[in-house]
Protein backbone atom coordinates (compact mmCIF):
# COMPACT_ATOMS: atom_id res chain seq x y z
CA MET A 1 -37.51 3.46 2.04
CA ALA A 2 -38.64 3.92 5.62
CA LYS A 3 -36.83 5.92 8.29
CA SER A 4 -37.11 5.36 12.02
CA ASN A 5 -35.83 7.90 14.56
CA SER A 6 -36.82 6.49 17.93
CA ASN A 7 -38.75 3.27 17.40
CA VAL A 8 -38.02 0.94 20.33
CA LEU A 9 -38.28 -2.17 18.14
CA THR A 10 -35.92 -1.06 15.36
CA HIS A 11 -33.52 1.29 17.18
CA GLY A 12 -29.93 0.22 16.46
CA LEU A 13 -31.05 -2.68 14.28
CA SER A 14 -28.88 -3.56 11.31
CA GLY A 15 -28.82 -6.54 8.99
CA LYS A 16 -31.17 -8.47 6.76
CA ILE A 17 -34.50 -10.12 7.54
CA GLY A 18 -35.07 -12.94 5.08
CA ASN A 19 -34.80 -11.78 1.50
CA LEU A 20 -37.16 -8.87 2.02
CA LEU A 21 -35.85 -6.14 4.33
CA VAL A 22 -32.46 -4.61 5.05
CA PHE A 23 -31.87 -2.49 8.17
CA ARG A 24 -28.88 -0.14 8.41
CA GLN A 25 -27.69 2.74 10.55
CA VAL A 26 -27.06 6.12 8.92
CA GLY A 27 -26.43 9.24 10.98
CA GLY A 28 -28.00 7.76 14.11
CA LYS A 29 -31.17 6.75 12.27
CA THR A 30 -32.37 3.29 11.32
CA ILE A 31 -33.00 2.98 7.58
CA VAL A 32 -35.20 0.15 6.28
CA THR A 33 -35.06 -0.75 2.59
CA GLY A 34 -35.84 -3.65 0.33
CA LYS A 35 -33.08 -6.07 -0.52
CA PRO A 36 -30.76 -4.41 -3.05
CA LYS A 37 -30.62 -5.91 -6.51
CA PRO A 38 -27.11 -6.47 -7.86
CA SER A 39 -26.43 -5.08 -11.28
CA ARG A 40 -26.41 -7.73 -13.96
CA THR A 41 -23.31 -6.45 -15.72
CA GLU A 42 -19.94 -5.70 -14.19
CA SER A 43 -17.62 -3.10 -15.61
CA ASP A 44 -14.04 -4.08 -16.40
CA ALA A 45 -12.90 -2.03 -13.39
CA GLN A 46 -15.31 -3.96 -11.12
CA LYS A 47 -14.05 -7.29 -12.46
CA GLN A 48 -10.44 -6.22 -11.94
CA GLN A 49 -11.16 -5.04 -8.37
CA ARG A 50 -12.98 -8.30 -7.60
CA ARG A 51 -9.93 -10.28 -8.79
CA ARG A 52 -7.61 -8.07 -6.70
CA PHE A 53 -9.72 -8.63 -3.62
CA GLN A 54 -9.84 -12.40 -4.25
CA SER A 55 -6.03 -12.41 -4.47
CA ALA A 56 -5.84 -10.34 -1.28
CA THR A 57 -8.04 -12.77 0.64
CA LEU A 58 -6.00 -15.76 -0.56
CA TYR A 59 -2.83 -13.95 0.51
CA ALA A 60 -4.34 -13.05 3.90
CA LYS A 61 -5.30 -16.64 4.63
CA SER A 62 -1.61 -17.44 4.77
CA ALA A 63 -0.81 -14.47 7.03
CA THR A 64 2.66 -14.66 8.50
CA GLU A 65 3.76 -14.23 12.08
CA GLU A 66 4.60 -10.59 11.28
CA TYR A 67 0.90 -9.85 10.80
CA VAL A 68 -0.01 -11.69 14.01
CA GLU A 69 2.30 -9.44 16.03
CA ALA A 70 1.01 -6.30 14.30
CA ALA A 71 -2.58 -7.37 14.93
CA LYS A 72 -1.93 -7.64 18.66
CA LYS A 73 -0.52 -4.10 18.71
CA LYS A 74 -3.28 -2.54 16.56
CA GLY A 75 -6.25 -4.45 17.99
CA LYS A 76 -7.19 -5.94 14.62
CA THR A 77 -7.04 -9.42 13.17
CA PRO A 78 -4.00 -10.58 11.18
CA TYR A 79 -6.37 -11.28 8.28
CA ILE A 80 -7.56 -7.64 8.10
CA ILE A 81 -4.02 -6.29 8.30
CA ALA A 82 -2.82 -8.69 5.58
CA VAL A 83 -5.72 -7.83 3.22
CA ALA A 84 -5.08 -4.10 3.70
CA ASP A 85 -1.35 -4.57 3.13
CA PHE A 86 -1.99 -6.51 -0.07
CA LEU A 87 -4.44 -3.93 -1.44
CA ASN A 88 -2.36 -0.85 -0.53
CA ALA A 89 0.97 -0.49 -2.29
CA PRO A 90 3.82 1.31 -0.55
CA SER A 91 4.69 4.86 -1.59
CA ILE A 92 7.85 6.82 -2.20
CA GLU A 93 7.39 10.06 -0.29
CA HIS A 94 10.64 11.80 -1.24
CA VAL A 95 13.99 11.07 -2.91
CA ASP A 96 16.83 13.30 -1.69
CA VAL A 97 19.74 13.27 -4.15
CA SER A 98 21.34 16.45 -2.79
CA GLY A 99 24.01 14.34 -1.06
CA TYR A 100 24.96 12.58 -4.30
CA THR A 101 27.73 14.34 -6.22
CA GLY A 102 29.00 11.28 -8.06
CA ALA A 103 31.66 10.32 -5.53
CA SER A 104 31.98 6.95 -3.87
CA GLY A 105 30.52 7.21 -0.37
CA ASP A 106 27.84 9.78 -1.31
CA VAL A 107 24.39 9.06 0.12
CA ILE A 108 20.96 9.05 -1.51
CA VAL A 109 18.07 9.20 1.00
CA VAL A 110 14.67 7.73 0.14
CA LYS A 111 11.66 8.38 2.38
CA VAL A 112 9.00 5.70 2.04
CA SER A 113 5.74 4.68 3.69
CA ASP A 114 3.42 1.69 3.78
CA ASP A 115 0.43 0.69 5.88
CA PHE A 116 2.43 -2.27 7.22
CA LYS A 117 6.10 -2.43 6.27
CA VAL A 118 8.44 -1.69 3.35
CA LYS A 119 10.50 -4.82 2.70
CA TRP A 120 13.27 -3.43 0.48
CA VAL A 121 14.44 -0.33 -1.39
CA HIS A 122 16.59 -0.78 -4.50
CA VAL A 123 18.59 2.02 -6.17
CA ASN A 124 19.77 1.84 -9.79
CA ILE A 125 21.94 4.64 -11.24
CA THR A 126 22.48 4.90 -15.01
CA ASN A 127 24.28 7.39 -17.22
CA SER A 128 22.34 9.58 -19.64
CA ASP A 129 23.04 7.08 -22.45
CA GLY A 130 21.49 4.24 -20.39
CA SER A 131 24.78 2.58 -19.45
CA PRO A 132 24.83 1.32 -15.84
CA VAL A 133 26.81 3.14 -13.16
CA GLU A 134 25.84 1.04 -10.13
CA GLU A 135 22.93 -0.46 -8.26
CA GLY A 136 22.21 -1.93 -4.87
CA GLU A 137 20.01 -2.08 -1.81
CA ALA A 138 19.41 0.85 0.50
CA LEU A 139 19.47 0.33 4.26
CA PRO A 140 16.60 1.44 6.54
CA ASP A 141 16.75 3.62 9.61
CA ALA A 142 15.43 2.24 12.91
CA ILE A 143 11.76 2.79 12.01
CA GLY A 144 11.98 2.00 8.29
CA TYR A 145 10.96 5.47 7.06
CA GLU A 146 14.28 6.72 5.70
CA TRP A 147 16.37 4.38 3.60
CA ARG A 148 19.96 5.30 2.72
CA TYR A 149 21.92 4.14 -0.28
CA THR A 150 25.68 4.72 -0.17
CA ALA A 151 27.34 5.00 -3.60
CA THR A 152 30.19 2.57 -4.28
CA GLN A 153 31.38 3.91 -7.66
CA ASN A 154 32.71 7.26 -8.84
CA ASN A 155 30.53 8.91 -11.47
CA ASP A 156 32.27 11.81 -13.20
CA ASN A 157 29.43 13.23 -15.32
CA LEU A 158 26.02 13.48 -13.65
CA SER A 159 24.29 15.50 -16.36
CA GLY A 160 21.22 13.55 -17.52
CA ASP A 161 21.94 10.56 -15.26
CA ARG A 162 18.91 8.69 -13.96
CA ILE A 163 18.31 7.33 -10.48
CA LEU A 164 15.60 4.67 -10.44
CA ILE A 165 14.18 3.82 -7.02
CA SER A 166 12.15 0.61 -6.60
CA ILE A 167 10.45 -0.35 -3.35
CA SER A 168 8.43 -3.38 -2.26
CA ASP A 169 6.23 -4.26 0.70
CA THR A 170 5.59 -7.65 2.32
CA PRO A 171 3.01 -8.92 -0.24
CA GLY A 172 5.29 -7.88 -3.12
CA ASN A 173 3.65 -4.66 -4.34
CA ILE A 174 6.39 -2.81 -6.23
CA VAL A 175 6.48 0.95 -6.82
CA THR A 176 9.15 2.84 -8.80
CA ASP A 177 10.23 6.45 -9.08
CA GLU A 178 12.82 8.00 -11.38
CA THR A 179 14.87 11.12 -10.79
CA VAL A 180 16.87 12.73 -13.61
CA LEU A 181 19.96 14.67 -12.53
């Protein structure tokens, strides 16, 4: 491996020359190496990641108008935003059940995030024995960070009840979180 600090011919050069040399920039220096040799065997994790990325690129090729608008705002291409959205699942930041006392009209607040947009938040409440109490969709605030679910049923005994939160983003990545009361 050769290093070049201030060579006029190679300064800032990056890329491949034929099948022999590879130029890259690292820390302001030009690094010249031979062409890397791919490993002959792939681990199961590498195969799984390759399949995920293939799915992401297929998804991105059919990018919707939503991604086009976001790309204009972020200075990126719709394809890049769609691939990133596919590969990065949304996350549930916090579930606030302090406003839920079992009465109709009580509110459960779910704080979520995603690199593009959370599509829906679903709340499912069950008793400790697994019998259903109620379920439904939460509604987002103006920016889509806090989602609020308003209870429609009275629930007399909360001890051991479970609140299952499911969220999904535009490509359909689903994440769940369970809170036991």
